[in-house]
Amino acid sequence: MNVTTRFLMLLSVFLSISQSAWATGNKPQPPMHSHPKSYGQGWECDTGHKQVEDRCLKIEIPVNGYATHTAYGRGWGCTFGYREIEAECVEVIVPKNGYITSSGDGWKCLREFRPNVDRCDRIVVPENAHLDGSSVGIGWVCDRKYRQKNDTCVIIKVPSNAYLTNRSYGNGWMCERGFRETNDVCEPVIVPDNGYFVDKSYSSGWECERGFKEHNNQCRKILLPENAHLDYSGNDWACDRPFRLNGDKCVPEY
């Protein structure tokens, strides 16, 4: 190997090393406590560290806390049985007759008890009542045939021609079909001639047949004036087109 060939070989190795060094020196290097992203390009901080500009700084994790794998938020959470209060992990104190919730950061009372600030008080269920399993309200409801009156359950007095309901409002009963409530009793609905019964909690309990109109609790036949017809309800009339109403008659529009 002559001198010229050896020189060219050394020059080639030198250029290769120089190019590699130049490329490495110009490419940003990941900071300490980081790793390549699992998808895409770039890097992300290791668990327990957070990105501040181009660095990964250690996160201060409170006692009874742990580092999370999320890139947002505080970067830490409280272990089961503790909850975050003012950047600290405070133990959840479960009172007697209570239990810790599945999330691990709170508590609830056992059945037959209800929360009262930091304790669980027993629910006092009156006679003729039962627990309702609700976390709101008084915690109990009256049995069927009874209604709540203050802290007791009193029997519902159902009048003749009525039946019990399961509604939590009202008087606890409704009149049978064909009867209407009047002063806590169920009176029969008297349907006049040319009328029919309607099962509604309002109105008189009956309506007039088509072609008749209510008047003084009776159904009076509608007498159509000339150039008129029964309206959409069937219990009144309107003028034909192109006539218009004038008093009780239908007169030409022009």
Protein backbone atom coordinates (compact mmCIF):
# COMPACT_ATOMS: atom_id res chain seq x y z
CA MET A 1 0.00 0.00 0.00
CA ASN A 2 1.58 3.25 -1.10
CA VAL A 3 1.50 6.52 0.77
CA THR A 4 -1.26 8.05 -1.35
CA THR A 5 -3.64 5.12 -0.80
CA ARG A 6 -3.03 5.11 2.96
CA PHE A 7 -3.65 8.86 3.12
CA LEU A 8 -6.96 8.55 1.28
CA MET A 9 -8.12 5.79 3.63
CA LEU A 10 -7.30 7.81 6.75
CA LEU A 11 -9.04 10.83 5.27
CA SER A 12 -12.18 8.78 4.62
CA VAL A 13 -12.29 7.49 8.23
CA PHE A 14 -11.74 11.00 9.58
CA LEU A 15 -14.56 12.47 7.48
CA SER A 16 -16.90 9.67 8.56
CA ILE A 17 -16.19 10.27 12.26
CA SER A 18 -16.49 14.03 11.80
CA GLN A 19 -19.86 13.74 10.06
CA SER A 20 -21.16 11.45 12.79
CA ALA A 21 -19.99 13.82 15.50
CA TRP A 22 -21.46 16.78 13.68
CA ALA A 23 -24.81 15.07 13.28
CA THR A 24 -24.88 14.03 16.93
CA GLY A 25 -23.95 17.47 18.10
CA ASN A 26 -26.76 19.13 16.12
CA LYS A 27 -29.53 16.67 17.08
CA PRO A 28 -31.30 17.53 20.40
CA GLN A 29 -30.65 14.84 22.97
CA PRO A 30 -33.42 13.64 25.34
CA PRO A 31 -32.99 15.01 28.88
CA MET A 32 -32.31 12.89 31.91
CA HIS A 33 -35.24 10.94 33.36
CA SER A 34 -36.96 10.63 29.98
CA HIS A 35 -37.61 7.92 27.40
CA PRO A 36 -38.74 7.76 23.75
CA LYS A 37 -42.47 8.02 23.23
CA SER A 38 -44.28 4.73 22.71
CA TYR A 39 -45.83 6.22 19.57
CA GLY A 40 -44.76 9.00 17.26
CA GLN A 41 -41.49 10.81 17.64
CA GLY A 42 -39.81 12.63 20.49
CA TRP A 43 -39.58 11.84 24.18
CA GLU A 44 -41.58 12.03 27.35
CA CYS A 45 -40.66 12.17 31.02
CA ASP A 46 -40.39 9.07 33.15
CA THR A 47 -43.03 8.35 35.78
CA GLY A 48 -42.49 10.57 38.79
CA HIS A 49 -41.17 13.44 36.67
CA LYS A 50 -42.81 16.28 34.79
CA GLN A 51 -41.67 18.25 31.78
CA VAL A 52 -40.56 21.83 32.34
CA GLU A 53 -39.39 23.30 29.02
CA ASP A 54 -36.74 20.80 27.83
CA ARG A 55 -36.08 19.15 31.19
CA CYS A 56 -37.72 16.44 33.33
CA LEU A 57 -37.96 17.52 36.94
CA LYS A 58 -38.81 15.23 39.84
CA ILE A 59 -42.34 15.51 41.21
CA GLU A 60 -42.72 15.98 44.95
CA ILE A 61 -45.12 13.22 45.98
CA PRO A 62 -46.73 13.51 49.43
CA VAL A 63 -46.73 10.72 51.99
CA ASN A 64 -49.29 8.01 51.13
CA GLY A 65 -49.27 9.15 47.50
CA TYR A 66 -48.00 7.54 44.33
CA ALA A 67 -46.80 8.70 40.93
CA THR A 68 -49.29 8.45 38.07
CA HIS A 69 -48.51 7.74 34.44
CA THR A 70 -50.34 10.78 33.08
CA ALA A 71 -48.62 13.75 31.49
CA TYR A 72 -51.24 16.17 32.83
CA GLY A 73 -52.45 17.16 36.29
CA ARG A 74 -50.33 16.92 39.43
CA GLY A 75 -48.67 13.71 38.33
CA TRP A 76 -49.63 11.90 41.54
CA GLY A 77 -52.61 10.48 43.34
CA CYS A 78 -53.46 9.25 46.83
CA THR A 79 -53.38 5.56 47.63
CA PHE A 80 -56.56 3.66 48.55
CA GLY A 81 -57.90 4.81 51.90
CA TYR A 82 -56.58 8.36 51.52
CA ARG A 83 -57.94 11.46 49.83
CA GLU A 84 -56.31 14.65 48.61
CA ILE A 85 -56.74 17.71 50.84
CA GLU A 86 -54.58 20.78 50.16
CA ALA A 87 -51.92 18.83 48.23
CA GLU A 88 -51.66 16.21 50.96
CA CYS A 89 -52.99 12.64 51.23
CA VAL A 90 -55.17 12.51 54.32
CA GLU A 91 -56.47 9.23 55.72
CA VAL A 92 -60.20 8.52 55.28
CA ILE A 93 -61.62 8.01 58.78
CA VAL A 94 -64.58 5.64 58.52
CA PRO A 95 -67.06 6.07 61.39
CA LYS A 96 -68.79 3.27 63.24
CA ASN A 97 -71.52 1.62 61.15
CA GLY A 98 -69.90 2.94 57.98
CA TYR A 99 -67.69 1.54 55.21
CA ILE A 100 -65.13 2.91 52.80
CA THR A 101 -66.33 3.47 49.23
CA SER A 102 -65.01 1.50 46.28
CA SER A 103 -63.09 4.56 45.06
CA GLY A 104 -61.17 4.53 48.34
CA ASP A 105 -61.46 8.26 48.98
CA GLY A 106 -64.71 8.46 50.98
CA TRP A 107 -67.20 6.56 53.13
CA LYS A 108 -70.88 5.71 53.32
CA CYS A 109 -73.18 4.44 56.04
CA LEU A 110 -74.50 0.91 56.30
CA ARG A 111 -78.16 0.16 55.67
CA GLU A 112 -80.36 1.33 58.59
CA PHE A 113 -77.95 4.25 59.16
CA ARG A 114 -77.56 7.67 57.58
CA PRO A 115 -74.66 10.18 57.52
CA ASN A 116 -74.60 13.05 59.99
CA VAL A 117 -71.41 15.11 59.52
CA ASP A 118 -68.72 12.62 60.59
CA ARG A 119 -70.85 9.81 62.00
CA CYS A 120 -73.57 7.35 61.03
CA ASP A 121 -76.85 7.71 62.96
CA ARG A 122 -79.40 4.92 63.12
CA ILE A 123 -82.59 5.57 61.15
CA VAL A 124 -85.61 5.45 63.44
CA VAL A 125 -88.37 3.73 61.47
CA PRO A 126 -91.87 4.31 62.88
CA GLU A 127 -94.58 1.69 63.08
CA ASN A 128 -96.19 0.76 59.74
CA ALA A 129 -93.13 1.95 57.78
CA HIS A 130 -90.03 0.45 56.16
CA LEU A 131 -86.59 1.56 55.01
CA ASP A 132 -86.48 2.96 51.48
CA GLY A 133 -82.74 2.48 50.88
CA SER A 134 -82.33 6.09 49.74
CA SER A 135 -79.38 8.26 50.71
CA VAL A 136 -81.61 11.35 50.73
CA GLY A 137 -84.74 12.23 52.66
CA ILE A 138 -85.72 10.65 55.98
CA GLY A 139 -84.71 7.14 54.97
CA TRP A 140 -88.11 5.45 55.32
CA VAL A 141 -91.56 5.37 53.74
CA CYS A 142 -94.93 4.31 55.03
CA ASP A 143 -96.37 0.91 54.20
CA ARG A 144 -99.28 0.60 51.82
CA LYS A 145 -102.55 1.86 53.34
CA TYR A 146 -100.60 4.38 55.45
CA ARG A 147 -99.41 7.95 54.90
CA GLN A 148 -96.69 10.01 56.55
CA LYS A 149 -97.77 12.54 59.13
CA ASN A 150 -94.78 14.20 60.77
CA ASP A 151 -92.69 11.28 62.11
CA THR A 152 -95.48 8.71 62.09
CA CYS A 153 -97.53 6.71 59.60
CA VAL A 154 -101.31 7.08 59.88
CA ILE A 155 -103.85 4.87 58.15
CA ILE A 156 -105.47 6.18 54.97
CA LYS A 157 -109.23 6.41 55.21
CA VAL A 158 -110.57 5.38 51.83
CA PRO A 159 -114.15 6.52 51.16
CA SER A 160 -116.78 4.44 49.41
CA ASN A 161 -116.33 4.03 45.65
CA ALA A 162 -112.58 4.73 45.89
CA TYR A 163 -109.33 2.76 45.85
CA LEU A 164 -105.80 3.13 47.21
CA THR A 165 -103.01 4.53 45.02
CA ASN A 166 -99.23 4.22 45.20
CA ARG A 167 -98.67 7.93 44.65
CA SER A 168 -96.58 9.82 47.20
CA TYR A 169 -98.75 12.92 46.77
CA GLY A 170 -102.45 13.64 47.14
CA ASN A 171 -104.73 11.97 49.66
CA GLY A 172 -103.62 8.42 48.84
CA TRP A 173 -106.80 7.35 47.06
CA MET A 174 -108.75 7.95 43.88
CA CYS A 175 -112.41 7.60 42.99
CA GLU A 176 -113.59 4.64 40.95
CA ARG A 177 -114.56 5.20 37.33
CA GLY A 178 -117.88 6.99 37.17
CA PHE A 179 -117.26 8.89 40.39
CA ARG A 180 -115.58 12.20 41.21
CA GLU A 181 -113.93 13.51 44.37
CA THR A 182 -115.93 16.16 46.21
CA ASN A 183 -115.05 17.17 49.77
CA ASP A 184 -113.15 13.91 50.47
CA VAL A 185 -115.98 11.71 49.21
CA CYS A 186 -116.65 10.08 45.84
CA GLU A 187 -119.91 11.22 44.28
CA PRO A 188 -121.36 9.69 41.11
CA VAL A 189 -120.93 11.63 37.87
CA ILE A 190 -124.39 12.47 36.49
CA VAL A 191 -124.15 12.42 32.70
CA PRO A 192 -126.94 14.39 30.98
CA ASP A 193 -128.77 13.28 27.84
CA ASN A 194 -126.65 13.54 24.70
CA GLY A 195 -123.48 13.47 26.83
CA TYR A 196 -120.85 10.85 27.70
CA PHE A 197 -118.54 10.13 30.62
CA VAL A 198 -114.86 11.18 30.42
CA ASP A 199 -112.28 9.77 32.83
CA LYS A 200 -110.50 13.02 33.73
CA SER A 201 -109.48 14.42 37.08
CA TYR A 202 -110.63 17.87 35.99
CA SER A 203 -113.75 19.27 34.28
CA SER A 204 -117.25 18.04 35.09
CA GLY A 205 -116.50 14.41 34.25
CA TRP A 206 -118.61 14.42 31.09
CA GLU A 207 -118.74 16.04 27.67
CA CYS A 208 -121.44 16.59 25.11
CA GLU A 209 -121.81 14.49 21.99
CA ARG A 210 -120.93 16.04 18.64
CA GLY A 211 -123.61 18.52 17.59
CA PHE A 212 -124.44 19.46 21.17
CA LYS A 213 -123.09 22.19 23.47
CA GLU A 214 -122.92 22.34 27.27
CA HIS A 215 -125.39 24.78 28.83
CA ASN A 216 -126.52 24.80 32.46
CA ASN A 217 -125.18 21.25 33.04
CA GLN A 218 -127.15 20.01 30.04
CA CYS A 219 -126.26 19.21 26.44
CA ARG A 220 -128.22 21.54 24.18
CA LYS A 221 -128.50 20.82 20.47
CA ILE A 222 -126.55 23.27 18.29
CA LEU A 223 -128.75 25.10 15.80
CA LEU A 224 -126.59 26.01 12.81
CA PRO A 225 -127.32 29.34 11.15
CA GLU A 226 -127.27 29.57 7.37
CA ASN A 227 -123.78 29.25 5.82
CA ALA A 228 -122.27 27.69 8.96
CA HIS A 229 -120.85 24.32 10.03
CA LEU A 230 -119.72 22.52 13.20
CA ASP A 231 -116.17 23.45 14.16
CA TYR A 232 -113.25 21.09 14.90
CA SER A 233 -114.53 20.31 18.42
CA GLY A 234 -117.99 19.37 17.24
CA ASN A 235 -119.44 21.34 20.15
CA ASP A 236 -119.65 24.76 18.50
CA TRP A 237 -119.95 26.23 15.00
CA ALA A 238 -118.07 28.47 12.58
CA CYS A 239 -118.93 30.29 9.38
CA ASP A 240 -118.30 28.73 5.98
CA ARG A 241 -115.84 30.46 3.64
CA PRO A 242 -116.16 33.16 2.42
CA PHE A 243 -118.62 34.20 5.12
CA ARG A 244 -117.77 35.87 8.44
CA LEU A 245 -119.45 36.02 11.81
CA ASN A 246 -121.69 38.98 12.53
CA GLY A 247 -123.56 38.59 15.80
CA ASP A 248 -125.09 35.12 15.58
CA LYS A 249 -125.21 35.04 11.78
CA CYS A 250 -122.81 34.37 8.91
CA VAL A 251 -122.72 37.23 6.43
CA PRO A 252 -120.76 37.66 3.18
CA GLU A 253 -117.12 38.73 3.61
CA TYR A 254 -117.58 41.69 1.24
